[in-house]
Amino acid sequence: MGTLRQALQQLEAEGLVYRENRRGWFVSPRRTRYDPTRISAFMEHVSTQGRSPRTECLQAQLRPAGDALSNVMETRCPGT
């Protein structure tokens, strides 16, 4: 028979609980189930699981593609 500490460590390893220093143990939020090999709309899929999906733009830049990328994207660089 194991101890409570061992049981909590096992639950933590399985992702069912998490701990915070000096605060204690907490039940982990439900994991989102998503199979990227299936074709589906991610936002809709997450919403059906009771979650609130969102997107966030971390960085955006406008810069020339260059010859190599222009060829891959089948576009032309300005001035060519």
PDB file of N, CA and C in Angstrom:
ATOM      1  N   MET A   1       0.850  -1.175   0.000  1.00  0.00           N
ATOM      2  CA  MET A   1       0.000   0.000   0.000  1.00  0.00           C
ATOM      3  C   MET A   1       0.899   1.242   0.000  1.00  0.00           C
ATOM      4  N   GLY A   2       0.589   2.223  -0.853  1.00  0.00           N
ATOM      5  CA  GLY A   2       1.391   3.425  -0.946  1.00  0.00           C
ATOM      6  C   GLY A   2       0.881   4.523  -0.032  1.00  0.00           C
ATOM      7  N   THR A   3       1.636   5.576  -0.012  1.00  0.00           N
ATOM      8  CA  THR A   3       1.265   6.720   0.813  1.00  0.00           C
ATOM      9  C   THR A   3       0.439   7.703  -0.007  1.00  0.00           C
ATOM     10  N   LEU A   4      -0.169   8.648   0.668  1.00  0.00           N
ATOM     11  CA  LEU A   4      -0.932   9.689  -0.012  1.00  0.00           C
ATOM     12  C   LEU A   4      -0.019  10.483  -0.938  1.00  0.00           C
ATOM     13  N   ARG A   5       1.195  10.748  -0.493  1.00  0.00           N
ATOM     14  CA  ARG A   5       2.152  11.495  -1.314  1.00  0.00           C
ATOM     15  C   ARG A   5       2.437  10.743  -2.619  1.00  0.00           C
ATOM     16  N   GLN A   6       2.610   9.425  -2.534  1.00  0.00           N
ATOM     17  CA  GLN A   6       2.863   8.630  -3.738  1.00  0.00           C
ATOM     18  C   GLN A   6       1.651   8.658  -4.670  1.00  0.00           C
ATOM     19  N   ALA A   7       0.457   8.594  -4.083  1.00  0.00           N
ATOM     20  CA  ALA A   7      -0.757   8.636  -4.894  1.00  0.00           C
ATOM     21  C   ALA A   7      -0.870   9.974  -5.624  1.00  0.00           C
ATOM     22  N   LEU A   8      -0.575  11.064  -4.931  1.00  0.00           N
ATOM     23  CA  LEU A   8      -0.632  12.385  -5.559  1.00  0.00           C
ATOM     24  C   LEU A   8       0.419  12.522  -6.658  1.00  0.00           C
ATOM     25  N   GLN A   9       1.598  11.970  -6.437  1.00  0.00           N
ATOM     26  CA  GLN A   9       2.643  12.012  -7.462  1.00  0.00           C
ATOM     27  C   GLN A   9       2.223  11.218  -8.694  1.00  0.00           C
ATOM     28  N   GLN A  10       1.548  10.106  -8.487  1.00  0.00           N
ATOM     29  CA  GLN A  10       1.061   9.302  -9.611  1.00  0.00           C
ATOM     30  C   GLN A  10      -0.013  10.077 -10.389  1.00  0.00           C
ATOM     31  N   LEU A  11      -0.938  10.688  -9.667  1.00  0.00           N
ATOM     32  CA  LEU A  11      -1.976  11.492 -10.323  1.00  0.00           C
ATOM     33  C   LEU A  11      -1.364  12.673 -11.074  1.00  0.00           C
ATOM     34  N   GLU A  12      -0.314  13.261 -10.511  1.00  0.00           N
ATOM     35  CA  GLU A  12       0.377  14.357 -11.185  1.00  0.00           C
ATOM     36  C   GLU A  12       1.051  13.856 -12.463  1.00  0.00           C
ATOM     37  N   ALA A  13       1.671  12.688 -12.403  1.00  0.00           N
ATOM     38  CA  ALA A  13       2.331  12.112 -13.578  1.00  0.00           C
ATOM     39  C   ALA A  13       1.319  11.834 -14.695  1.00  0.00           C
ATOM     40  N   GLU A  14       0.092  11.531 -14.321  1.00  0.00           N
ATOM     41  CA  GLU A  14      -0.961  11.263 -15.300  1.00  0.00           C
ATOM     42  C   GLU A  14      -1.650  12.542 -15.765  1.00  0.00           C
ATOM     43  N   GLY A  15      -1.258  13.681 -15.185  1.00  0.00           N
ATOM     44  CA  GLY A  15      -1.825  14.959 -15.588  1.00  0.00           C
ATOM     45  C   GLY A  15      -3.191  15.256 -14.996  1.00  0.00           C
ATOM     46  N   LEU A  16      -3.591  14.506 -13.982  1.00  0.00           N
ATOM     47  CA  LEU A  16      -4.916  14.698 -13.392  1.00  0.00           C
ATOM     48  C   LEU A  16      -4.931  15.760 -12.304  1.00  0.00           C
ATOM     49  N   VAL A  17      -3.792  15.980 -11.660  1.00  0.00           N
ATOM     50  CA  VAL A  17      -3.672  17.026 -10.646  1.00  0.00           C
ATOM     51  C   VAL A  17      -2.361  17.766 -10.880  1.00  0.00           C
ATOM     52  N   TYR A  18      -2.253  18.948 -10.311  1.00  0.00           N
ATOM     53  CA  TYR A  18      -0.996  19.695 -10.351  1.00  0.00           C
ATOM     54  C   TYR A  18      -0.800  20.346  -8.995  1.00  0.00           C
ATOM     55  N   ARG A  19       0.431  20.717  -8.713  1.00  0.00           N
ATOM     56  CA  ARG A  19       0.709  21.332  -7.419  1.00  0.00           C
ATOM     57  C   ARG A  19       1.340  22.700  -7.601  1.00  0.00           C
ATOM     58  N   GLU A  20       1.080  23.540  -6.626  1.00  0.00           N
ATOM     59  CA  GLU A  20       1.681  24.866  -6.582  1.00  0.00           C
ATOM     60  C   GLU A  20       2.366  25.008  -5.235  1.00  0.00           C
ATOM     61  N   ASN A  21       3.590  25.521  -5.262  1.00  0.00           N
ATOM     62  CA  ASN A  21       4.341  25.699  -4.016  1.00  0.00           C
ATOM     63  C   ASN A  21       3.554  26.514  -3.004  1.00  0.00           C
ATOM     64  N   ARG A  22       3.535  26.028  -1.804  1.00  0.00           N
ATOM     65  CA  ARG A  22       2.911  26.694  -0.655  1.00  0.00           C
ATOM     66  C   ARG A  22       1.405  26.880  -0.787  1.00  0.00           C
ATOM     67  N   ARG A  23       0.807  26.286  -1.810  1.00  0.00           N
ATOM     68  CA  ARG A  23      -0.642  26.413  -1.982  1.00  0.00           C
ATOM     69  C   ARG A  23      -1.329  25.066  -1.915  1.00  0.00           C
ATOM     70  N   GLY A  24      -0.692  24.023  -2.450  1.00  0.00           N
ATOM     71  CA  GLY A  24      -1.293  22.700  -2.373  1.00  0.00           C
ATOM     72  C   GLY A  24      -1.506  22.056  -3.724  1.00  0.00           C
ATOM     73  N   TRP A  25      -2.388  21.068  -3.732  1.00  0.00           N
ATOM     74  CA  TRP A  25      -2.696  20.278  -4.920  1.00  0.00           C
ATOM     75  C   TRP A  25      -4.044  20.701  -5.480  1.00  0.00           C
ATOM     76  N   PHE A  26      -4.147  20.688  -6.806  1.00  0.00           N
ATOM     77  CA  PHE A  26      -5.375  21.118  -7.467  1.00  0.00           C
ATOM     78  C   PHE A  26      -5.710  20.153  -8.596  1.00  0.00           C
ATOM     79  N   VAL A  27      -6.993  20.005  -8.874  1.00  0.00           N
ATOM     80  CA  VAL A  27      -7.437  19.166  -9.985  1.00  0.00           C
ATOM     81  C   VAL A  27      -7.115  19.899 -11.280  1.00  0.00           C
ATOM     82  N   SER A  28      -6.493  19.202 -12.209  1.00  0.00           N
ATOM     83  CA  SER A  28      -6.133  19.798 -13.495  1.00  0.00           C
ATOM     84  C   SER A  28      -7.381  20.016 -14.342  1.00  0.00           C
ATOM     85  N   PRO A  29      -7.378  21.077 -15.166  1.00  0.00           N
ATOM     86  CA  PRO A  29      -8.500  21.257 -16.093  1.00  0.00           C
ATOM     87  C   PRO A  29      -8.523  20.109 -17.093  1.00  0.00           C
ATOM     88  N   ARG A  30      -9.703  19.832 -17.616  1.00  0.00           N
ATOM     89  CA  ARG A  30      -9.816  18.756 -18.604  1.00  0.00           C
ATOM     90  C   ARG A  30      -8.937  19.053 -19.808  1.00  0.00           C
ATOM     91  N   ARG A  31      -8.325  18.027 -20.328  1.00  0.00           N
ATOM     92  CA  ARG A  31      -7.503  18.188 -21.528  1.00  0.00           C
ATOM     93  C   ARG A  31      -8.400  18.249 -22.748  1.00  0.00           C
ATOM     94  N   THR A  32      -8.007  19.063 -23.696  1.00  0.00           N
ATOM     95  CA  THR A  32      -8.718  19.117 -24.962  1.00  0.00           C
ATOM     96  C   THR A  32      -8.286  17.921 -25.790  1.00  0.00           C
ATOM     97  N   ARG A  33      -9.250  17.196 -26.292  1.00  0.00           N
ATOM     98  CA  ARG A  33      -8.934  16.042 -27.141  1.00  0.00           C
ATOM     99  C   ARG A  33      -9.005  16.490 -28.590  1.00  0.00           C
ATOM    100  N   TYR A  34      -7.918  16.289 -29.290  1.00  0.00           N
ATOM    101  CA  TYR A  34      -7.850  16.721 -30.679  1.00  0.00           C
ATOM    102  C   TYR A  34      -6.934  15.783 -31.437  1.00  0.00           C
ATOM    103  N   ASP A  35      -7.422  15.264 -32.532  1.00  0.00           N
ATOM    104  CA  ASP A  35      -6.635  14.382 -33.384  1.00  0.00           C
ATOM    105  C   ASP A  35      -6.309  15.150 -34.661  1.00  0.00           C
ATOM    106  N   PRO A  36      -5.067  15.635 -34.798  1.00  0.00           N
ATOM    107  CA  PRO A  36      -4.725  16.450 -35.965  1.00  0.00           C
ATOM    108  C   PRO A  36      -4.764  15.683 -37.281  1.00  0.00           C
ATOM    109  N   THR A  37      -4.861  14.350 -37.225  1.00  0.00           N
ATOM    110  CA  THR A  37      -4.929  13.580 -38.465  1.00  0.00           C
ATOM    111  C   THR A  37      -6.339  13.581 -39.051  1.00  0.00           C
ATOM    112  N   ARG A  38      -7.329  13.992 -38.243  1.00  0.00           N
ATOM    113  CA  ARG A  38      -8.697  14.092 -38.745  1.00  0.00           C
ATOM    114  C   ARG A  38      -8.918  15.498 -39.279  1.00  0.00           C
ATOM    115  N   ILE A  39      -9.650  15.581 -40.353  1.00  0.00           N
ATOM    116  CA  ILE A  39      -9.952  16.888 -40.920  1.00  0.00           C
ATOM    117  C   ILE A  39     -11.154  17.455 -40.169  1.00  0.00           C
ATOM    118  N   SER A  40     -10.921  18.531 -39.449  1.00  0.00           N
ATOM    119  CA  SER A  40     -12.010  19.203 -38.739  1.00  0.00           C
ATOM    120  C   SER A  40     -11.576  20.623 -38.427  1.00  0.00           C
ATOM    121  N   ALA A  41     -12.547  21.453 -38.161  1.00  0.00           N
ATOM    122  CA  ALA A  41     -12.258  22.831 -37.785  1.00  0.00           C
ATOM    123  C   ALA A  41     -11.876  22.841 -36.310  1.00  0.00           C
ATOM    124  N   PHE A  42     -10.642  23.218 -36.017  1.00  0.00           N
ATOM    125  CA  PHE A  42     -10.141  23.155 -34.643  1.00  0.00           C
ATOM    126  C   PHE A  42     -10.997  23.980 -33.689  1.00  0.00           C
ATOM    127  N   MET A  43     -11.320  25.216 -34.056  1.00  0.00           N
ATOM    128  CA  MET A  43     -12.094  26.090 -33.168  1.00  0.00           C
ATOM    129  C   MET A  43     -13.446  25.464 -32.838  1.00  0.00           C
ATOM    130  N   GLU A  44     -14.109  24.921 -33.844  1.00  0.00           N
ATOM    131  CA  GLU A  44     -15.409  24.283 -33.628  1.00  0.00           C
ATOM    132  C   GLU A  44     -15.254  23.044 -32.754  1.00  0.00           C
ATOM    133  N   HIS A  45     -14.226  22.278 -33.017  1.00  0.00           N
ATOM    134  CA  HIS A  45     -13.973  21.050 -32.260  1.00  0.00           C
ATOM    135  C   HIS A  45     -13.760  21.357 -30.777  1.00  0.00           C
ATOM    136  N   VAL A  46     -12.976  22.370 -30.481  1.00  0.00           N
ATOM    137  CA  VAL A  46     -12.702  22.744 -29.094  1.00  0.00           C
ATOM    138  C   VAL A  46     -13.968  23.286 -28.431  1.00  0.00           C
ATOM    139  N   SER A  47     -14.757  24.049 -29.165  1.00  0.00           N
ATOM    140  CA  SER A  47     -16.001  24.602 -28.619  1.00  0.00           C
ATOM    141  C   SER A  47     -16.965  23.503 -28.203  1.00  0.00           C
ATOM    142  N   THR A  48     -17.017  22.418 -28.973  1.00  0.00           N
ATOM    143  CA  THR A  48     -17.928  21.322 -28.630  1.00  0.00           C
ATOM    144  C   THR A  48     -17.512  20.621 -27.346  1.00  0.00           C
ATOM    145  N   GLN A  49     -16.281  20.834 -26.898  1.00  0.00           N
ATOM    146  CA  GLN A  49     -15.806  20.239 -25.650  1.00  0.00           C
ATOM    147  C   GLN A  49     -15.965  21.197 -24.471  1.00  0.00           C
ATOM    148  N   GLY A  50     -16.720  22.288 -24.690  1.00  0.00           N
ATOM    149  CA  GLY A  50     -16.988  23.216 -23.600  1.00  0.00           C
ATOM    150  C   GLY A  50     -15.871  24.202 -23.321  1.00  0.00           C
ATOM    151  N   ARG A  51     -14.934  24.332 -24.241  1.00  0.00           N
ATOM    152  CA  ARG A  51     -13.823  25.271 -24.074  1.00  0.00           C
ATOM    153  C   ARG A  51     -14.093  26.540 -24.862  1.00  0.00           C
ATOM    154  N   SER A  52     -13.307  27.570 -24.598  1.00  0.00           N
ATOM    155  CA  SER A  52     -13.400  28.833 -25.325  1.00  0.00           C
ATOM    156  C   SER A  52     -12.108  29.044 -26.098  1.00  0.00           C
ATOM    157  N   PRO A  53     -12.067  28.598 -27.354  1.00  0.00           N
ATOM    158  CA  PRO A  53     -10.833  28.739 -28.128  1.00  0.00           C
ATOM    159  C   PRO A  53     -10.592  30.194 -28.498  1.00  0.00           C
ATOM    160  N   ARG A  54      -9.330  30.531 -28.695  1.00  0.00           N
ATOM    161  CA  ARG A  54      -8.975  31.878 -29.124  1.00  0.00           C
ATOM    162  C   ARG A  54      -7.688  31.808 -29.922  1.00  0.00           C
ATOM    163  N   THR A  55      -7.455  32.823 -30.696  1.00  0.00           N
ATOM    164  CA  THR A  55      -6.193  32.943 -31.417  1.00  0.00           C
ATOM    165  C   THR A  55      -5.510  34.218 -30.956  1.00  0.00           C
ATOM    166  N   GLU A  56      -4.217  34.219 -31.067  1.00  0.00           N
ATOM    167  CA  GLU A  56      -3.439  35.379 -30.646  1.00  0.00           C
ATOM    168  C   GLU A  56      -2.263  35.529 -31.601  1.00  0.00           C
ATOM    169  N   CYS A  57      -2.149  36.682 -32.215  1.00  0.00           N
ATOM    170  CA  CYS A  57      -1.023  36.962 -33.099  1.00  0.00           C
ATOM    171  C   CYS A  57       0.163  37.381 -32.238  1.00  0.00           C
ATOM    172  N   LEU A  58       1.216  36.602 -32.257  1.00  0.00           N
ATOM    173  CA  LEU A  58       2.388  36.908 -31.447  1.00  0.00           C
ATOM    174  C   LEU A  58       3.302  37.916 -32.119  1.00  0.00           C
ATOM    175  N   GLN A  59       3.346  37.868 -33.450  1.00  0.00           N
ATOM    176  CA  GLN A  59       4.201  38.807 -34.171  1.00  0.00           C
ATOM    177  C   GLN A  59       3.783  38.825 -35.635  1.00  0.00           C
ATOM    178  N   ALA A  60       3.864  39.983 -36.251  1.00  0.00           N
ATOM    179  CA  ALA A  60       3.584  40.107 -37.677  1.00  0.00           C
ATOM    180  C   ALA A  60       4.582  41.080 -38.278  1.00  0.00           C
ATOM    181  N   GLN A  61       5.067  40.749 -39.464  1.00  0.00           N
ATOM    182  CA  GLN A  61       6.011  41.611 -40.167  1.00  0.00           C
ATOM    183  C   GLN A  61       5.684  41.592 -41.645  1.00  0.00           C
ATOM    184  N   LEU A  62       5.923  42.698 -42.283  1.00  0.00           N
ATOM    185  CA  LEU A  62       5.805  42.786 -43.725  1.00  0.00           C
ATOM    186  C   LEU A  62       7.214  42.972 -44.264  1.00  0.00           C
ATOM    187  N   ARG A  63       7.661  42.006 -45.065  1.00  0.00           N
ATOM    188  CA  ARG A  63       9.002  42.109 -45.634  1.00  0.00           C
ATOM    189  C   ARG A  63       9.041  41.360 -46.955  1.00  0.00           C
ATOM    190  N   PRO A  64       9.993  41.697 -47.813  1.00  0.00           N
ATOM    191  CA  PRO A  64      10.077  41.055 -49.126  1.00  0.00           C
ATOM    192  C   PRO A  64      10.305  39.552 -48.998  1.00  0.00           C
ATOM    193  N   ALA A  65       9.702  38.810 -49.915  1.00  0.00           N
ATOM    194  CA  ALA A  65       9.816  37.357 -49.876  1.00  0.00           C
ATOM    195  C   ALA A  65      11.176  36.878 -50.373  1.00  0.00           C
ATOM    196  N   GLY A  66      11.764  37.570 -51.289  1.00  0.00           N
ATOM    197  CA  GLY A  66      13.017  37.107 -51.876  1.00  0.00           C
ATOM    198  C   GLY A  66      12.740  36.123 -53.004  1.00  0.00           C
ATOM    199  N   ASP A  67      13.759  35.847 -53.801  1.00  0.00           N
ATOM    200  CA  ASP A  67      13.586  35.000 -54.985  1.00  0.00           C
ATOM    201  C   ASP A  67      13.154  33.579 -54.644  1.00  0.00           C
ATOM    202  N   ALA A  68      13.791  32.961 -53.655  1.00  0.00           N
ATOM    203  CA  ALA A  68      13.493  31.558 -53.338  1.00  0.00           C
ATOM    204  C   ALA A  68      12.039  31.386 -52.899  1.00  0.00           C
ATOM    205  N   LEU A  69      11.577  32.215 -51.978  1.00  0.00           N
ATOM    206  CA  LEU A  69      10.205  32.098 -51.492  1.00  0.00           C
ATOM    207  C   LEU A  69       9.206  32.488 -52.570  1.00  0.00           C
ATOM    208  N   SER A  70       9.538  33.482 -53.370  1.00  0.00           N
ATOM    209  CA  SER A  70       8.656  33.880 -54.469  1.00  0.00           C
ATOM    210  C   SER A  70       8.453  32.733 -55.442  1.00  0.00           C
ATOM    211  N   ASN A  71       9.514  31.985 -55.714  1.00  0.00           N
ATOM    212  CA  ASN A  71       9.396  30.829 -56.605  1.00  0.00           C
ATOM    213  C   ASN A  71       8.499  29.756 -56.007  1.00  0.00           C
ATOM    214  N   VAL A  72       8.668  29.480 -54.724  1.00  0.00           N
ATOM    215  CA  VAL A  72       7.852  28.457 -54.061  1.00  0.00           C
ATOM    216  C   VAL A  72       6.383  28.859 -54.072  1.00  0.00           C
ATOM    217  N   MET A  73       6.116  30.148 -53.817  1.00  0.00           N
ATOM    218  CA  MET A  73       4.734  30.627 -53.739  1.00  0.00           C
ATOM    219  C   MET A  73       4.175  31.024 -55.102  1.00  0.00           C
ATOM    220  N   GLU A  74       4.998  30.868 -56.131  1.00  0.00           N
ATOM    221  CA  GLU A  74       4.619  31.195 -57.502  1.00  0.00           C
ATOM    222  C   GLU A  74       4.114  32.631 -57.620  1.00  0.00           C
ATOM    223  N   THR A  75       4.879  33.545 -57.038  1.00  0.00           N
ATOM    224  CA  THR A  75       4.585  34.974 -57.140  1.00  0.00           C
ATOM    225  C   THR A  75       5.816  35.671 -57.698  1.00  0.00           C
ATOM    226  N   ARG A  76       5.677  36.950 -57.968  1.00  0.00           N
ATOM    227  CA  ARG A  76       6.811  37.724 -58.461  1.00  0.00           C
ATOM    228  C   ARG A  76       7.173  38.783 -57.450  1.00  0.00           C
ATOM    229  N   CYS A  77       8.457  39.025 -57.310  1.00  0.00           N
ATOM    230  CA  CYS A  77       8.923  40.122 -56.461  1.00  0.00           C
ATOM    231  C   CYS A  77       8.650  41.433 -57.185  1.00  0.00           C
ATOM    232  N   PRO A  78       8.246  42.482 -56.456  1.00  0.00           N
ATOM    233  CA  PRO A  78       8.037  43.781 -57.107  1.00  0.00           C
ATOM    234  C   PRO A  78       9.315  44.246 -57.808  1.00  0.00           C
ATOM    235  N   GLY A  79       9.145  44.797 -58.990  1.00  0.00           N
ATOM    236  CA  GLY A  79      10.277  45.339 -59.733  1.00  0.00           C
ATOM    237  C   GLY A  79      11.003  44.313 -60.583  1.00  0.00           C
ATOM    238  N   THR A  80      10.472  43.091 -60.674  1.00  0.00           N
ATOM    239  CA  THR A  80      11.145  42.098 -61.534  1.00  0.00           C
ATOM    240  C   THR A  80      10.305  41.779 -62.730  1.00  0.00           C
TER     241      THR A  80
END
